């Protein structure tokens, strides 16, 4: 396995985490518009710094090559005062068609002052 392939896999894992963070911001913004919502938190691997591990992909696993952890889903915690608007909350995060940002458009989470990850 070439170093360039490993570097490409690492770049993809970091991009994937950033995309999940963008999605979390969209959903959190939509939910926070409801008066009954008190807080939204991102939990799991999307919320923390990624770590190196031997992944489930056979080409890396067979050779014991470590790459950044793969974020496979987005976990959000929601604190509400009332359950009366649950149906509306389920429908709220409808950002429309999601356009994947280019790497130039991505802002590192550490420099995003309004981010929910700070």
N, C-alpha and C. Protein backbone atom coordinates (compact mmCIF):
# COMPACT_ATOMS: atom_id res chain seq x y z
N UNK A 1 0.85 -1.18 0.00
CA UNK A 1 0.00 0.00 0.00
C UNK A 1 0.89 1.24 0.00
N UNK A 2 0.61 2.16 -0.90
CA UNK A 2 1.43 3.37 -1.02
C UNK A 2 1.01 4.41 0.02
N UNK A 3 1.97 5.25 0.38
CA UNK A 3 1.69 6.33 1.34
C UNK A 3 0.61 7.26 0.83
N UNK A 4 0.57 7.48 -0.46
CA UNK A 4 -0.44 8.37 -1.03
C UNK A 4 -1.85 7.81 -0.83
N UNK A 5 -2.00 6.48 -0.88
CA UNK A 5 -3.31 5.86 -0.65
C UNK A 5 -3.74 6.02 0.81
N UNK A 6 -2.78 5.88 1.71
CA UNK A 6 -3.07 6.06 3.14
C UNK A 6 -3.44 7.51 3.41
N UNK A 7 -2.68 8.44 2.84
CA UNK A 7 -2.96 9.86 3.02
C UNK A 7 -4.34 10.22 2.45
N UNK A 8 -4.69 9.64 1.31
CA UNK A 8 -6.00 9.90 0.71
C UNK A 8 -7.12 9.38 1.62
N UNK A 9 -6.94 8.21 2.20
CA UNK A 9 -7.94 7.66 3.12
C UNK A 9 -8.09 8.56 4.34
N UNK A 10 -6.97 9.05 4.88
CA UNK A 10 -7.01 9.96 6.03
C UNK A 10 -7.75 11.25 5.66
N UNK A 11 -7.48 11.80 4.49
CA UNK A 11 -8.17 13.02 4.05
C UNK A 11 -9.68 12.77 3.94
N UNK A 12 -10.06 11.62 3.42
CA UNK A 12 -11.47 11.29 3.28
C UNK A 12 -12.15 11.20 4.64
N UNK A 13 -11.49 10.58 5.61
CA UNK A 13 -12.07 10.43 6.95
C UNK A 13 -12.26 11.80 7.61
N UNK A 14 -11.29 12.68 7.46
CA UNK A 14 -11.41 14.03 8.03
C UNK A 14 -12.52 14.82 7.34
N UNK A 15 -12.62 14.70 6.02
CA UNK A 15 -13.68 15.37 5.28
C UNK A 15 -15.05 14.85 5.71
N UNK A 16 -15.16 13.56 5.88
CA UNK A 16 -16.43 12.96 6.29
C UNK A 16 -16.87 13.48 7.66
N UNK A 17 -15.92 13.60 8.59
CA UNK A 17 -16.26 14.14 9.90
C UNK A 17 -16.73 15.59 9.76
N UNK A 18 -16.06 16.38 8.95
CA UNK A 18 -16.47 17.77 8.75
C UNK A 18 -17.86 17.87 8.14
N UNK A 19 -18.17 16.98 7.21
CA UNK A 19 -19.50 16.98 6.61
C UNK A 19 -20.57 16.66 7.65
N UNK A 20 -20.29 15.69 8.53
CA UNK A 20 -21.23 15.39 9.61
C UNK A 20 -21.39 16.59 10.53
N UNK A 21 -20.32 17.32 10.79
CA UNK A 21 -20.40 18.51 11.64
C UNK A 21 -21.25 19.60 10.98
N UNK A 22 -21.12 19.75 9.68
CA UNK A 22 -21.95 20.71 8.95
C UNK A 22 -23.42 20.32 9.07
N UNK A 23 -23.70 19.04 8.90
CA UNK A 23 -25.08 18.54 9.04
C UNK A 23 -25.59 18.77 10.46
N UNK A 24 -24.74 18.57 11.45
CA UNK A 24 -25.14 18.80 12.85
C UNK A 24 -25.50 20.26 13.07
N UNK A 25 -24.74 21.16 12.49
CA UNK A 25 -25.04 22.59 12.62
C UNK A 25 -26.40 22.92 12.01
N UNK A 26 -26.70 22.34 10.85
CA UNK A 26 -27.98 22.59 10.18
C UNK A 26 -29.14 22.09 11.05
N UNK A 27 -29.02 20.88 11.57
CA UNK A 27 -30.07 20.30 12.40
C UNK A 27 -30.21 21.08 13.70
N UNK A 28 -29.09 21.40 14.34
CA UNK A 28 -29.14 22.15 15.61
C UNK A 28 -29.80 23.52 15.41
N UNK A 29 -29.47 24.21 14.34
CA UNK A 29 -30.08 25.51 14.06
C UNK A 29 -31.60 25.37 13.89
N UNK A 30 -32.02 24.34 13.19
CA UNK A 30 -33.45 24.12 12.98
C UNK A 30 -34.14 23.81 14.30
N UNK A 31 -33.56 22.94 15.11
CA UNK A 31 -34.17 22.58 16.38
C UNK A 31 -34.20 23.75 17.37
N UNK A 32 -33.16 24.56 17.37
CA UNK A 32 -33.11 25.67 18.33
C UNK A 32 -34.17 26.74 18.04
N UNK A 33 -34.81 26.69 16.89
CA UNK A 33 -35.87 27.65 16.60
C UNK A 33 -37.16 27.31 17.34
N UNK A 34 -37.24 26.15 17.96
CA UNK A 34 -38.42 25.75 18.73
C UNK A 34 -38.28 26.24 20.17
N UNK A 35 -39.33 26.85 20.70
CA UNK A 35 -39.26 27.38 22.06
C UNK A 35 -39.03 26.31 23.13
N UNK A 36 -39.47 25.09 22.90
CA UNK A 36 -39.31 24.04 23.91
C UNK A 36 -37.91 23.43 23.95
N UNK A 37 -37.08 23.74 22.96
CA UNK A 37 -35.72 23.18 22.92
C UNK A 37 -34.80 24.01 23.80
N UNK A 38 -34.15 23.34 24.73
CA UNK A 38 -33.22 24.01 25.65
C UNK A 38 -31.76 23.85 25.20
N UNK A 39 -31.41 22.70 24.62
CA UNK A 39 -30.02 22.48 24.22
C UNK A 39 -29.95 21.35 23.20
N UNK A 40 -28.91 21.42 22.38
CA UNK A 40 -28.60 20.35 21.43
C UNK A 40 -27.11 20.06 21.57
N UNK A 41 -26.75 18.79 21.63
CA UNK A 41 -25.34 18.42 21.75
C UNK A 41 -24.99 17.35 20.73
N UNK A 42 -23.82 17.48 20.17
CA UNK A 42 -23.27 16.45 19.29
C UNK A 42 -22.47 15.51 20.18
N UNK A 43 -22.71 14.21 20.03
CA UNK A 43 -21.99 13.22 20.83
C UNK A 43 -21.35 12.21 19.90
N UNK A 44 -20.48 11.39 20.41
CA UNK A 44 -19.84 10.37 19.59
C UNK A 44 -18.62 10.88 18.86
N UNK A 45 -18.19 10.15 17.86
CA UNK A 45 -16.92 10.45 17.18
C UNK A 45 -16.96 11.73 16.37
N UNK A 46 -18.13 12.22 16.01
CA UNK A 46 -18.22 13.49 15.28
C UNK A 46 -17.84 14.65 16.21
N UNK A 47 -18.10 14.49 17.50
CA UNK A 47 -17.88 15.57 18.46
C UNK A 47 -16.44 15.68 18.94
N UNK A 48 -15.64 14.65 18.78
CA UNK A 48 -14.29 14.70 19.32
C UNK A 48 -13.24 14.57 18.23
N UNK A 49 -12.02 14.83 18.64
CA UNK A 49 -10.90 14.68 17.69
C UNK A 49 -10.80 13.21 17.28
N UNK A 50 -10.58 13.00 15.99
CA UNK A 50 -10.44 11.62 15.51
C UNK A 50 -9.16 10.99 16.02
N UNK A 51 -9.13 9.67 16.06
CA UNK A 51 -7.98 8.92 16.51
C UNK A 51 -7.62 7.90 15.45
N UNK A 52 -6.37 7.48 15.47
CA UNK A 52 -5.89 6.49 14.50
C UNK A 52 -6.25 5.08 14.98
N UNK A 53 -6.67 4.25 14.03
CA UNK A 53 -6.99 2.85 14.32
C UNK A 53 -6.90 2.04 13.04
N UNK A 54 -6.77 0.74 13.19
CA UNK A 54 -6.83 -0.15 12.03
C UNK A 54 -8.31 -0.29 11.70
N UNK A 55 -8.72 0.12 10.50
CA UNK A 55 -10.15 0.15 10.17
C UNK A 55 -10.70 -1.21 9.77
N UNK A 56 -11.98 -1.22 9.51
CA UNK A 56 -12.67 -2.45 9.10
C UNK A 56 -12.41 -2.81 7.64
N UNK A 57 -11.85 -1.88 6.85
CA UNK A 57 -11.61 -2.12 5.43
C UNK A 57 -10.50 -3.16 5.28
N UNK A 58 -10.77 -4.18 4.51
CA UNK A 58 -9.85 -5.31 4.44
C UNK A 58 -8.45 -4.95 3.94
N UNK A 59 -8.35 -4.02 2.98
CA UNK A 59 -7.04 -3.70 2.43
C UNK A 59 -6.13 -3.04 3.47
N UNK A 60 -6.71 -2.32 4.43
CA UNK A 60 -5.92 -1.71 5.50
C UNK A 60 -5.77 -2.69 6.66
N UNK A 61 -6.83 -3.43 6.97
CA UNK A 61 -6.82 -4.36 8.10
C UNK A 61 -5.77 -5.46 7.90
N UNK A 62 -5.72 -6.03 6.71
CA UNK A 62 -4.76 -7.12 6.44
C UNK A 62 -3.32 -6.70 6.70
N UNK A 63 -3.01 -5.45 6.40
CA UNK A 63 -1.63 -4.97 6.55
C UNK A 63 -1.41 -4.23 7.87
N UNK A 64 -2.47 -4.12 8.69
CA UNK A 64 -2.34 -3.47 9.99
C UNK A 64 -2.06 -1.97 9.90
N UNK A 65 -2.57 -1.33 8.85
CA UNK A 65 -2.32 0.10 8.63
C UNK A 65 -3.39 0.92 9.35
N UNK A 66 -2.94 1.86 10.16
CA UNK A 66 -3.85 2.73 10.90
C UNK A 66 -4.19 3.98 10.09
N UNK A 67 -5.46 4.33 10.12
CA UNK A 67 -5.94 5.58 9.52
C UNK A 67 -6.88 6.23 10.53
N UNK A 68 -7.33 7.46 10.23
CA UNK A 68 -8.26 8.14 11.13
C UNK A 68 -9.55 7.33 11.25
N UNK A 69 -10.15 7.37 12.43
CA UNK A 69 -11.41 6.68 12.71
C UNK A 69 -12.48 7.10 11.70
N UNK A 70 -13.33 6.16 11.32
CA UNK A 70 -14.41 6.44 10.38
C UNK A 70 -15.69 6.85 11.11
N UNK A 71 -16.15 8.07 10.87
CA UNK A 71 -17.45 8.51 11.39
C UNK A 71 -18.52 7.95 10.46
N UNK A 72 -19.40 7.11 10.99
CA UNK A 72 -20.42 6.49 10.15
C UNK A 72 -21.81 7.06 10.35
N UNK A 73 -21.99 7.80 11.45
CA UNK A 73 -23.30 8.39 11.69
C UNK A 73 -23.16 9.62 12.57
N UNK A 74 -24.26 10.29 12.74
CA UNK A 74 -24.30 11.51 13.54
C UNK A 74 -25.22 11.28 14.73
N UNK A 75 -24.68 11.43 15.92
CA UNK A 75 -25.46 11.27 17.15
C UNK A 75 -25.67 12.63 17.78
N UNK A 76 -26.94 12.96 18.01
CA UNK A 76 -27.30 14.24 18.63
C UNK A 76 -28.14 13.97 19.87
N UNK A 77 -27.92 14.76 20.91
CA UNK A 77 -28.76 14.73 22.11
C UNK A 77 -29.57 16.01 22.13
N UNK A 78 -30.83 15.89 22.50
CA UNK A 78 -31.75 17.01 22.48
C UNK A 78 -32.42 17.14 23.84
N UNK A 79 -32.34 18.33 24.45
CA UNK A 79 -33.01 18.60 25.72
C UNK A 79 -34.21 19.49 25.44
N UNK A 80 -35.39 19.02 25.87
CA UNK A 80 -36.62 19.78 25.62
C UNK A 80 -37.41 19.93 26.92
N UNK A 81 -38.24 20.98 26.97
CA UNK A 81 -39.12 21.23 28.12
C UNK A 81 -40.43 20.47 28.01
N UNK A 82 -40.84 20.18 26.79
CA UNK A 82 -42.14 19.58 26.56
C UNK A 82 -42.06 18.65 25.35
N UNK A 83 -42.91 17.63 25.35
CA UNK A 83 -42.95 16.69 24.23
C UNK A 83 -44.06 17.04 23.24
N UNK A 84 -44.71 18.16 23.42
CA UNK A 84 -45.85 18.53 22.58
C UNK A 84 -45.46 18.75 21.12
N UNK A 85 -44.23 19.16 20.86
CA UNK A 85 -43.82 19.47 19.48
C UNK A 85 -42.93 18.39 18.86
N UNK A 86 -42.98 17.18 19.38
CA UNK A 86 -42.10 16.13 18.86
C UNK A 86 -42.29 15.88 17.36
N UNK A 87 -43.53 15.86 16.90
CA UNK A 87 -43.77 15.63 15.47
C UNK A 87 -43.13 16.72 14.63
N UNK A 88 -43.28 17.96 15.06
CA UNK A 88 -42.68 19.08 14.32
C UNK A 88 -41.16 19.02 14.41
N UNK A 89 -40.62 18.63 15.55
CA UNK A 89 -39.16 18.51 15.69
C UNK A 89 -38.60 17.46 14.74
N UNK A 90 -39.31 16.37 14.57
CA UNK A 90 -38.86 15.30 13.67
C UNK A 90 -38.77 15.79 12.22
N UNK A 91 -39.67 16.68 11.86
CA UNK A 91 -39.71 17.19 10.49
C UNK A 91 -38.83 18.43 10.28
N UNK A 92 -38.41 19.07 11.34
CA UNK A 92 -37.72 20.36 11.25
C UNK A 92 -36.42 20.35 10.45
N UNK A 93 -35.51 19.44 10.70
CA UNK A 93 -34.23 19.53 9.97
C UNK A 93 -34.34 19.05 8.53
N UNK A 94 -34.87 19.89 7.69
CA UNK A 94 -35.02 19.57 6.27
C UNK A 94 -34.24 20.61 5.46
N UNK A 95 -32.91 20.49 5.46
CA UNK A 95 -32.11 21.52 4.79
C UNK A 95 -32.23 21.51 3.28
N UNK A 96 -32.96 20.59 2.71
CA UNK A 96 -33.04 20.51 1.25
C UNK A 96 -31.88 19.71 0.71
N UNK A 97 -31.60 19.91 -0.53
CA UNK A 97 -30.51 19.15 -1.15
C UNK A 97 -29.18 19.62 -0.62
N UNK A 98 -28.42 18.70 -0.11
CA UNK A 98 -27.13 19.01 0.49
C UNK A 98 -26.06 18.98 -0.58
N UNK A 99 -25.35 20.07 -0.71
CA UNK A 99 -24.23 20.15 -1.65
C UNK A 99 -22.94 19.93 -0.89
N UNK A 100 -22.17 18.96 -1.28
CA UNK A 100 -20.90 18.68 -0.61
C UNK A 100 -19.95 19.85 -0.83
N UNK A 101 -19.41 20.40 0.27
CA UNK A 101 -18.48 21.52 0.12
C UNK A 101 -17.14 21.05 -0.42
N UNK A 102 -16.45 21.95 -1.09
CA UNK A 102 -15.10 21.63 -1.53
C UNK A 102 -14.17 21.81 -0.35
N UNK A 103 -12.97 21.27 -0.42
CA UNK A 103 -12.04 21.39 0.70
C UNK A 103 -11.69 22.85 0.97
N UNK A 104 -11.76 23.73 -0.03
CA UNK A 104 -11.49 25.15 0.17
C UNK A 104 -12.59 25.83 0.97
N UNK A 105 -13.82 25.29 0.89
CA UNK A 105 -14.95 25.89 1.60
C UNK A 105 -15.03 25.45 3.05
N UNK A 106 -14.35 24.36 3.40
CA UNK A 106 -14.42 23.84 4.75
C UNK A 106 -13.59 24.68 5.70
N UNK A 107 -14.14 24.95 6.87
CA UNK A 107 -13.45 25.71 7.90
C UNK A 107 -13.17 24.77 9.05
N UNK A 108 -11.93 24.70 9.53
CA UNK A 108 -11.65 23.82 10.66
C UNK A 108 -12.53 24.19 11.85
N UNK A 109 -13.01 23.19 12.58
CA UNK A 109 -13.92 23.44 13.69
C UNK A 109 -13.32 24.39 14.71
N UNK A 110 -12.00 24.39 14.88
CA UNK A 110 -11.37 25.25 15.87
C UNK A 110 -11.49 26.73 15.51
N UNK A 111 -11.71 27.05 14.24
CA UNK A 111 -11.80 28.45 13.84
C UNK A 111 -13.25 28.90 13.62
N UNK A 112 -14.20 28.01 13.80
CA UNK A 112 -15.61 28.37 13.61
C UNK A 112 -16.17 28.83 14.95
N UNK A 113 -16.26 30.14 15.15
CA UNK A 113 -16.64 30.69 16.45
C UNK A 113 -18.07 30.36 16.84
N UNK A 114 -18.97 30.18 15.88
CA UNK A 114 -20.36 29.89 16.23
C UNK A 114 -20.65 28.39 16.24
N UNK A 115 -19.64 27.59 16.15
CA UNK A 115 -19.82 26.15 16.07
C UNK A 115 -20.32 25.59 17.39
N UNK A 116 -21.10 24.51 17.32
CA UNK A 116 -21.59 23.85 18.52
C UNK A 116 -20.56 22.91 19.12
N UNK A 117 -19.36 22.89 18.57
CA UNK A 117 -18.31 21.99 19.05
C UNK A 117 -17.35 22.70 19.99
N UNK A 118 -17.45 24.01 20.15
CA UNK A 118 -16.51 24.77 20.96
C UNK A 118 -16.75 24.53 22.43
